[in-house]
N, C-alpha and C. Protein backbone atom coordinates (compact mmCIF):
# COMPACT_ATOMS: atom_id res chain seq x y z
N UNK A 1 -27.39 -60.81 28.52
CA UNK A 1 -25.93 -60.17 28.00
C UNK A 1 -26.05 -58.29 28.00
N UNK A 2 -24.96 -58.63 27.76
CA UNK A 2 -25.37 -56.85 28.50
C UNK A 2 -25.05 -56.37 26.88
N UNK A 3 -25.52 -54.87 26.44
CA UNK A 3 -25.55 -54.64 25.07
C UNK A 3 -24.24 -53.42 24.74
N UNK A 4 -22.99 -54.28 24.17
CA UNK A 4 -21.85 -52.74 24.34
C UNK A 4 -22.46 -51.48 23.15
N UNK A 5 -22.25 -50.49 24.26
CA UNK A 5 -22.39 -48.90 23.58
C UNK A 5 -21.13 -48.50 22.77
N UNK A 6 -21.95 -48.05 21.97
CA UNK A 6 -20.74 -47.87 20.82
C UNK A 6 -20.19 -46.27 20.96
N UNK A 7 -18.82 -46.08 20.61
CA UNK A 7 -18.55 -44.02 21.12
C UNK A 7 -17.79 -43.65 19.88
N UNK A 8 -17.75 -42.11 19.77
CA UNK A 8 -16.97 -42.24 18.60
C UNK A 8 -18.45 -41.07 17.74
N UNK A 9 -17.37 -40.21 16.28
CA UNK A 9 -18.05 -39.42 15.74
C UNK A 9 -19.42 -39.84 15.11
N UNK A 10 -20.56 -39.87 14.25
CA UNK A 10 -21.36 -39.93 13.39
C UNK A 10 -20.29 -39.24 11.72
N UNK A 11 -21.03 -40.03 10.93
CA UNK A 11 -20.31 -39.09 9.54
C UNK A 11 -20.87 -37.74 9.50
N UNK A 12 -22.20 -37.65 10.23
CA UNK A 12 -23.41 -36.12 9.20
C UNK A 12 -22.11 -35.38 10.38
N UNK A 13 -22.23 -36.04 11.03
CA UNK A 13 -21.28 -35.28 12.18
C UNK A 13 -20.43 -34.29 11.69
N UNK A 14 -19.29 -35.53 11.81
CA UNK A 14 -17.96 -34.68 10.25
C UNK A 14 -18.43 -34.14 9.49
N UNK A 15 -19.00 -34.37 9.04
CA UNK A 15 -18.55 -33.48 7.37
C UNK A 15 -19.72 -32.74 8.08
N UNK A 16 -20.30 -31.86 9.15
CA UNK A 16 -21.03 -30.30 9.48
C UNK A 16 -20.43 -29.64 10.28
N UNK A 17 -19.16 -30.43 10.72
CA UNK A 17 -18.16 -29.52 10.99
C UNK A 17 -17.21 -29.00 9.93
N UNK A 18 -17.27 -30.10 8.55
CA UNK A 18 -15.99 -29.88 7.72
C UNK A 18 -17.20 -28.04 7.08
N UNK A 19 -18.51 -28.31 6.77
CA UNK A 19 -18.31 -26.94 6.05
C UNK A 19 -19.01 -26.72 7.17
N UNK A 20 -19.24 -26.41 8.34
CA UNK A 20 -18.71 -25.21 9.33
C UNK A 20 -17.61 -24.63 9.10
N UNK A 21 -16.33 -25.13 8.70
CA UNK A 21 -14.59 -25.08 8.69
C UNK A 21 -14.43 -23.86 7.54
N UNK A 22 -15.49 -24.49 6.47
CA UNK A 22 -15.42 -24.37 4.95
C UNK A 22 -16.15 -23.16 4.86
N UNK A 23 -17.29 -22.68 5.91
CA UNK A 23 -17.93 -21.06 4.89
C UNK A 23 -17.21 -20.44 6.40
N UNK A 24 -16.50 -20.48 7.17
CA UNK A 24 -15.37 -19.52 8.24
C UNK A 24 -14.32 -19.40 7.46
N UNK A 25 -13.39 -20.21 6.76
CA UNK A 25 -12.29 -20.18 6.14
C UNK A 25 -12.75 -19.33 4.62
N UNK A 26 -13.67 -19.46 4.41
CA UNK A 26 -14.06 -18.40 2.91
C UNK A 26 -15.07 -17.07 3.22
N UNK A 27 -15.50 -17.05 4.53
CA UNK A 27 -14.71 -15.35 4.52
C UNK A 27 -14.22 -15.51 5.67
N UNK A 28 -13.39 -15.59 5.25
CA UNK A 28 -12.01 -15.65 6.66
C UNK A 28 -11.30 -14.81 5.61
N UNK A 29 -10.55 -15.49 4.88
CA UNK A 29 -9.45 -15.51 3.86
C UNK A 29 -9.36 -14.28 3.60
N UNK A 30 -10.25 -13.49 1.98
CA UNK A 30 -10.22 -12.47 2.08
C UNK A 30 -10.29 -10.93 2.77
N UNK A 31 -10.72 -11.57 4.13
CA UNK A 31 -10.92 -10.72 5.14
C UNK A 31 -9.03 -10.58 5.61
N UNK A 32 -8.05 -11.44 5.25
CA UNK A 32 -6.52 -11.23 5.72
C UNK A 32 -6.59 -11.12 4.99
N UNK A 33 -6.23 -11.43 3.90
CA UNK A 33 -6.20 -10.99 2.21
C UNK A 33 -5.78 -9.41 2.11
N UNK A 34 -6.85 -9.17 2.44
CA UNK A 34 -6.74 -7.72 1.99
C UNK A 34 -5.94 -6.79 3.07
N UNK A 35 -5.91 -7.32 4.63
CA UNK A 35 -5.40 -6.71 5.95
C UNK A 35 -4.06 -6.73 5.44
N UNK A 36 -3.32 -7.65 5.10
CA UNK A 36 -2.05 -8.11 4.54
C UNK A 36 -1.91 -6.94 3.83
N UNK A 37 -2.15 -6.75 2.46
CA UNK A 37 -1.83 -5.82 1.75
C UNK A 37 -1.97 -4.96 1.76
N UNK A 38 -3.55 -4.04 2.50
CA UNK A 38 -2.97 -2.96 3.74
C UNK A 38 -2.03 -2.86 4.43
N UNK A 39 -1.00 -3.54 4.79
CA UNK A 39 -0.60 -3.78 6.47
C UNK A 39 0.54 -3.62 4.95
N UNK A 40 1.11 -3.36 3.98
CA UNK A 40 2.27 -3.03 3.55
C UNK A 40 2.35 -1.91 2.70
N UNK A 41 1.15 -1.07 2.74
CA UNK A 41 0.35 1.25 2.11
C UNK A 41 1.88 1.07 2.74
N UNK A 42 1.95 1.52 4.76
CA UNK A 42 2.47 1.99 5.34
C UNK A 42 3.76 2.55 5.33
N UNK A 43 4.94 1.73 4.89
CA UNK A 43 6.13 1.62 4.95
C UNK A 43 6.10 3.21 3.33
N UNK A 44 5.67 2.21 2.16
CA UNK A 44 5.85 3.07 1.61
C UNK A 44 4.84 4.70 1.19
N UNK A 45 4.43 5.17 1.78
CA UNK A 45 3.57 6.34 2.79
C UNK A 45 5.19 6.63 3.12
N UNK A 46 6.09 6.06 4.82
CA UNK A 46 6.58 6.71 5.83
C UNK A 46 7.28 7.31 4.41
N UNK A 47 8.35 6.73 4.08
CA UNK A 47 9.30 6.93 2.37
C UNK A 47 8.26 7.87 1.66
N UNK A 48 7.91 7.54 1.39
CA UNK A 48 7.20 9.25 0.53
C UNK A 48 7.34 10.24 1.67
N UNK A 49 6.51 10.05 3.26
CA UNK A 49 6.74 11.42 3.82
C UNK A 49 7.73 11.75 3.88
N UNK A 50 9.63 10.81 4.37
CA UNK A 50 10.27 11.10 4.26
C UNK A 50 11.21 11.97 2.81
N UNK A 51 11.02 11.47 2.37
CA UNK A 51 11.43 12.05 1.23
C UNK A 51 11.21 12.82 0.80
N UNK A 52 9.94 13.96 0.76
CA UNK A 52 9.93 15.38 0.93
C UNK A 52 10.72 16.04 1.95
N UNK A 53 11.20 16.09 3.62
CA UNK A 53 12.01 16.45 4.45
C UNK A 53 13.85 15.97 3.48
N UNK A 54 13.46 15.66 2.78
CA UNK A 54 15.08 15.25 2.16
C UNK A 54 14.99 16.29 0.92
N UNK A 55 13.89 16.25 0.28
CA UNK A 55 14.44 17.14 -0.90
C UNK A 55 13.63 18.82 -0.54
N UNK A 56 13.27 18.74 0.70
CA UNK A 56 13.53 20.53 1.16
C UNK A 56 14.52 20.72 1.73
N UNK A 57 15.62 19.49 1.78
CA UNK A 57 16.82 20.06 2.49
C UNK A 57 18.27 20.46 0.99
N UNK A 58 17.45 19.50 -0.13
CA UNK A 58 18.19 20.29 -0.92
C UNK A 58 18.66 21.00 -1.93
N UNK A 59 16.89 21.87 -1.00
CA UNK A 59 15.71 22.92 -1.88
C UNK A 59 17.12 24.33 -1.68
N UNK A 60 16.66 24.03 0.11
CA UNK A 60 17.01 24.98 0.66
C UNK A 60 18.75 25.21 0.47
N UNK A 61 19.30 24.47 0.20
CA UNK A 61 20.71 24.16 -0.13
C UNK A 61 21.37 24.74 -1.86
N UNK A 62 20.09 24.45 -3.27
CA UNK A 62 20.64 24.13 -4.69
C UNK A 62 20.66 25.28 -4.62
N UNK A 63 18.94 25.95 -3.85
CA UNK A 63 17.60 26.71 -4.18
C UNK A 63 16.81 26.06 -5.70
N UNK A 64 17.12 24.56 -5.89
CA UNK A 64 16.00 24.16 -6.10
C UNK A 64 15.76 22.99 -6.29
N UNK A 65 14.49 21.92 -6.72
CA UNK A 65 15.57 20.65 -6.37
C UNK A 65 16.12 19.21 -7.28
N UNK A 66 16.60 19.90 -8.30
CA UNK A 66 17.04 18.58 -9.13
C UNK A 66 17.91 19.51 -10.75
N UNK A 67 18.25 19.07 -11.71
CA UNK A 67 17.82 19.59 -12.38
C UNK A 67 18.06 18.60 -14.11
N UNK A 68 17.41 19.00 -14.92
CA UNK A 68 16.95 18.58 -15.89
C UNK A 68 17.60 17.43 -16.69
N UNK A 69 19.02 17.77 -15.94
CA UNK A 69 20.03 16.33 -16.41
C UNK A 69 20.48 15.61 -15.39
N UNK A 70 20.20 16.39 -14.09
CA UNK A 70 20.83 15.24 -12.92
C UNK A 70 19.42 15.07 -12.25
N UNK A 71 17.57 14.35 -12.68
CA UNK A 71 16.52 14.69 -12.58
C UNK A 71 16.63 15.39 -10.51
N UNK A 72 15.53 13.62 -9.77
CA UNK A 72 15.90 15.31 -8.43
C UNK A 72 16.83 14.65 -7.76
N UNK A 73 17.26 15.86 -6.61
CA UNK A 73 17.94 15.78 -5.68
C UNK A 73 18.79 14.93 -5.25
N UNK A 74 17.13 14.11 -4.08
CA UNK A 74 17.27 13.12 -3.83
C UNK A 74 17.02 11.92 -4.10
N UNK A 75 17.62 11.00 -3.13
CA UNK A 75 17.26 9.38 -3.46
C UNK A 75 16.80 9.37 -2.59
N UNK A 76 15.36 8.55 -3.61
CA UNK A 76 14.12 7.53 -3.12
C UNK A 76 14.26 6.20 -2.95
N UNK A 77 14.28 5.78 -0.75
CA UNK A 77 14.76 4.56 -0.60
C UNK A 77 13.77 3.68 -0.98
N UNK A 78 14.78 2.36 -1.55
CA UNK A 78 13.40 1.48 -1.73
C UNK A 78 12.74 0.59 -0.75
N UNK A 79 11.53 0.04 -1.20
CA UNK A 79 10.29 -0.64 -0.30
C UNK A 79 9.81 -1.07 -0.96
N UNK A 80 9.30 -2.64 -0.14
CA UNK A 80 9.96 -4.75 -0.54
C UNK A 80 7.61 -3.99 -1.21
N UNK A 81 7.54 -4.63 -2.87
CA UNK A 81 6.72 -4.65 -3.64
C UNK A 81 6.10 -2.98 -4.09
N UNK A 82 7.68 -1.67 -4.47
CA UNK A 82 6.70 -0.60 -4.95
C UNK A 82 7.84 0.09 -5.23
N UNK A 83 7.27 0.45 -6.62
CA UNK A 83 8.84 1.05 -7.21
C UNK A 83 8.85 2.52 -6.89
N UNK A 84 9.61 3.63 -6.34
CA UNK A 84 9.68 4.62 -6.14
C UNK A 84 10.34 5.25 -7.27
N UNK A 85 9.94 6.73 -7.46
CA UNK A 85 10.69 7.43 -8.68
C UNK A 85 10.37 8.41 -8.97
N UNK A 86 10.76 9.65 -9.20
CA UNK A 86 11.01 10.84 -8.61
C UNK A 86 11.08 11.34 -10.29
N UNK A 87 10.08 12.88 -10.72
CA UNK A 87 9.67 13.59 -12.04
C UNK A 87 10.10 14.25 -11.31
N UNK A 88 10.57 15.21 -11.94
CA UNK A 88 11.09 16.83 -12.08
C UNK A 88 10.13 17.73 -13.08
N UNK A 89 9.24 19.00 -12.27
CA UNK A 89 7.62 19.18 -13.04
C UNK A 89 8.34 19.83 -14.62
N UNK A 90 9.93 20.10 -14.07
CA UNK A 90 9.94 21.57 -14.54
C UNK A 90 11.03 21.61 -14.99
N UNK A 91 12.35 22.13 -16.34
CA UNK A 91 13.12 22.35 -16.30
C UNK A 91 14.21 23.37 -15.39
N UNK A 92 13.44 23.87 -14.84
CA UNK A 92 14.28 24.58 -12.86
C UNK A 92 14.33 24.19 -12.45
N UNK A 93 13.71 23.14 -12.26
CA UNK A 93 13.99 22.39 -11.21
C UNK A 93 12.89 22.85 -9.74
N UNK A 94 12.04 23.51 -10.16
CA UNK A 94 11.53 24.28 -8.77
C UNK A 94 9.39 23.45 -8.64
N UNK A 95 9.84 21.73 -9.68
CA UNK A 95 9.17 21.52 -9.02
C UNK A 95 9.16 19.45 -9.00
N UNK A 96 8.15 19.10 -8.45
CA UNK A 96 8.46 18.31 -8.53
C UNK A 96 7.66 16.86 -8.28
N UNK A 97 7.82 16.09 -8.37
CA UNK A 97 6.24 14.40 -7.88
C UNK A 97 7.44 13.48 -7.59
N UNK A 98 7.15 12.25 -5.82
CA UNK A 98 7.81 11.70 -5.28
C UNK A 98 6.50 10.88 -5.97
N UNK A 99 6.81 8.90 -6.28
CA UNK A 99 5.76 8.68 -6.36
C UNK A 99 6.19 7.26 -6.03
N UNK A 100 5.38 6.88 -5.33
CA UNK A 100 5.39 5.02 -5.79
C UNK A 100 4.32 4.09 -6.00
N UNK A 101 4.74 3.14 -6.62
CA UNK A 101 4.27 2.23 -7.59
C UNK A 101 3.85 1.02 -6.83
N UNK A 102 2.81 0.27 -6.95
CA UNK A 102 3.09 -1.36 -6.79
C UNK A 102 3.42 -1.85 -7.92
N UNK A 103 3.79 -2.85 -7.40
CA UNK A 103 4.40 -4.16 -7.80
C UNK A 103 3.84 -5.12 -7.44
N UNK A 104 4.33 -6.44 -8.42
CA UNK A 104 3.86 -7.97 -7.50
C UNK A 104 2.72 -8.07 -6.90
N UNK A 105 2.12 -8.42 -5.37
CA UNK A 105 1.28 -8.19 -4.85
C UNK A 105 0.85 -6.94 -4.94
N UNK A 106 1.23 -6.35 -5.24
CA UNK A 106 0.70 -4.81 -4.57
C UNK A 106 0.51 -3.69 -6.15
N UNK A 107 0.33 -4.85 -7.16
CA UNK A 107 -0.18 -3.60 -8.50
C UNK A 107 -1.38 -3.29 -8.28
N UNK A 108 -2.04 -2.54 -8.96
CA UNK A 108 -2.60 -1.22 -8.47
C UNK A 108 -2.82 -0.45 -7.88
N UNK A 109 -1.69 -0.15 -7.04
CA UNK A 109 -1.63 1.34 -5.31
C UNK A 109 -0.27 1.49 -6.25
N UNK A 110 -1.28 3.65 -5.85
CA UNK A 110 -0.18 4.83 -6.57
C UNK A 110 -0.04 5.18 -5.72
N UNK A 111 0.46 5.98 -5.69
CA UNK A 111 0.48 6.75 -4.67
C UNK A 111 2.17 8.03 -4.98
N UNK A 112 1.48 9.43 -4.52
CA UNK A 112 2.04 10.16 -5.01
C UNK A 112 2.09 11.24 -4.48
N UNK A 113 3.97 12.45 -4.50
CA UNK A 113 3.72 13.57 -2.77
C UNK A 113 4.34 14.31 -4.15
N UNK A 114 4.45 15.97 -3.67
CA UNK A 114 4.36 17.11 -5.31
C UNK A 114 5.82 17.48 -4.03
N UNK A 115 5.86 18.92 -4.82
CA UNK A 115 6.66 19.76 -3.46
C UNK A 115 5.89 20.98 -2.25
N UNK A 116 4.37 20.62 -2.71
CA UNK A 116 3.86 22.24 -1.71
C UNK A 116 2.46 20.11 -0.54
N UNK A 117 3.43 19.11 -1.15
CA UNK A 117 2.99 18.00 0.26
C UNK A 117 1.07 17.88 -0.81
N UNK A 118 0.97 17.87 -1.75
CA UNK A 118 -0.08 17.68 -1.73
C UNK A 118 0.26 15.78 -1.66
N UNK A 119 -0.93 16.04 -1.64
CA UNK A 119 -0.43 13.87 -1.90
C UNK A 119 -1.65 12.84 -2.47
N UNK A 120 -1.72 12.42 -2.81
CA UNK A 120 -2.72 11.86 -4.31
C UNK A 120 -2.66 9.49 -4.28
N UNK A 121 -4.26 9.56 -3.87
CA UNK A 121 -3.36 7.75 -4.48
C UNK A 121 -4.25 8.00 -5.65
N UNK A 122 -2.84 7.74 -7.26
CA UNK A 122 -3.71 7.69 -8.46
C UNK A 122 -4.41 6.52 -8.51
N UNK A 123 -3.91 5.55 -7.98
CA UNK A 123 -3.96 4.06 -7.86
C UNK A 123 -4.56 4.02 -6.70
N UNK A 124 -5.85 2.75 -7.33
CA UNK A 124 -6.35 2.32 -5.57
C UNK A 124 -7.11 0.27 -5.54
N UNK A 125 -7.27 -0.45 -6.03
CA UNK A 125 -8.24 -1.29 -6.42
C UNK A 125 -9.44 -1.04 -5.79
N UNK A 126 -9.99 -0.54 -4.68
CA UNK A 126 -10.92 0.06 -4.78
C UNK A 126 -11.64 1.48 -4.95
N UNK A 127 -10.46 2.25 -5.58
CA UNK A 127 -10.84 3.60 -5.61
C UNK A 127 -9.63 4.86 -5.92
N UNK A 128 -9.05 5.72 -6.07
CA UNK A 128 -8.89 6.68 -6.00
C UNK A 128 -9.10 7.96 -5.34
N UNK A 129 -8.33 8.71 -4.49
CA UNK A 129 -8.95 10.32 -4.29
C UNK A 129 -7.18 10.55 -5.25
N UNK A 130 -7.69 11.75 -5.32
CA UNK A 130 -6.53 12.67 -5.69
C UNK A 130 -6.87 13.76 -5.01
N UNK A 131 -7.10 13.30 -3.80
CA UNK A 131 -7.23 15.53 -2.39
C UNK A 131 -6.33 13.45 -0.89
N UNK A 132 -5.81 13.17 -1.31
CA UNK A 132 -5.04 12.71 0.45
C UNK A 132 -4.66 10.95 -0.57
N UNK A 133 -4.39 9.85 1.30
CA UNK A 133 -3.48 8.64 0.47
C UNK A 133 -4.93 8.50 1.37
N UNK A 134 -5.01 7.64 0.15
CA UNK A 134 -5.95 5.95 1.17
C UNK A 134 -6.22 4.80 0.83
N UNK A 135 -5.87 4.30 2.59
CA UNK A 135 -5.05 2.65 2.50
C UNK A 135 -6.21 1.97 1.73
N UNK A 136 -6.99 2.16 2.28
CA UNK A 136 -8.26 1.55 2.25
C UNK A 136 -10.09 1.96 1.00
N UNK A 137 -8.98 2.66 0.08
CA UNK A 137 -10.13 3.17 -1.02
C UNK A 137 -11.21 3.99 -0.95
N UNK A 138 -11.73 4.84 -1.52
CA UNK A 138 -12.80 5.36 -1.39
C UNK A 138 -12.07 7.37 -0.52
N UNK A 139 -13.03 7.26 0.42
CA UNK A 139 -12.14 8.14 1.08
C UNK A 139 -11.83 8.46 1.74
N UNK A 140 -10.97 9.41 2.38
CA UNK A 140 -9.55 10.11 3.41
C UNK A 140 -9.75 9.53 4.20
N UNK A 141 -8.27 8.22 4.98
CA UNK A 141 -8.23 8.06 5.45
C UNK A 141 -7.35 8.86 7.04
N UNK A 142 -8.69 8.30 8.20
CA UNK A 142 -7.74 9.74 8.88
C UNK A 142 -6.67 9.58 9.72
C-alpha cells in the first residue's frame, strides 16, 4: 500500500514567518512615520523663503515692512498642518519675524525667519538650532 505524502506548511513554519514579519514591521514603521513627517516640512520652509521676497518688495515700495496698526504688509500663504504668523519687531516697521508653527501631526515643529534672513529652528522633536532650519533636528542640514 502506497504511503500518502502530506503537503503544506507546519504550524511552526507559519509562526516563524509571522514573527519575522512582526519584527520587520516594528523596525520599518517608525522610520516610515519619521520620513512622512520630514516630508511635510519643506513646504513650510518654501513658504517662509518666498515670504521674505514679498516683504522685501513691500519694503522697497514703502520703506517699511508694515505698520503697528496693520501688522506685516505681505500675507503669508497657508501650509497644511502649519500656522503662519508675522510679527513686527518694532513700531517703525523696520524689522519682522515670520514663523511657521506646526499643529496636529506636526506639533512640535517651529521655524522662523527675520528681515535679515536669519533662519531659526525654534522647536523640533529631536532638538532645535538657532542658526539654521533643520528637518532632522540638531545639526544644520546642507
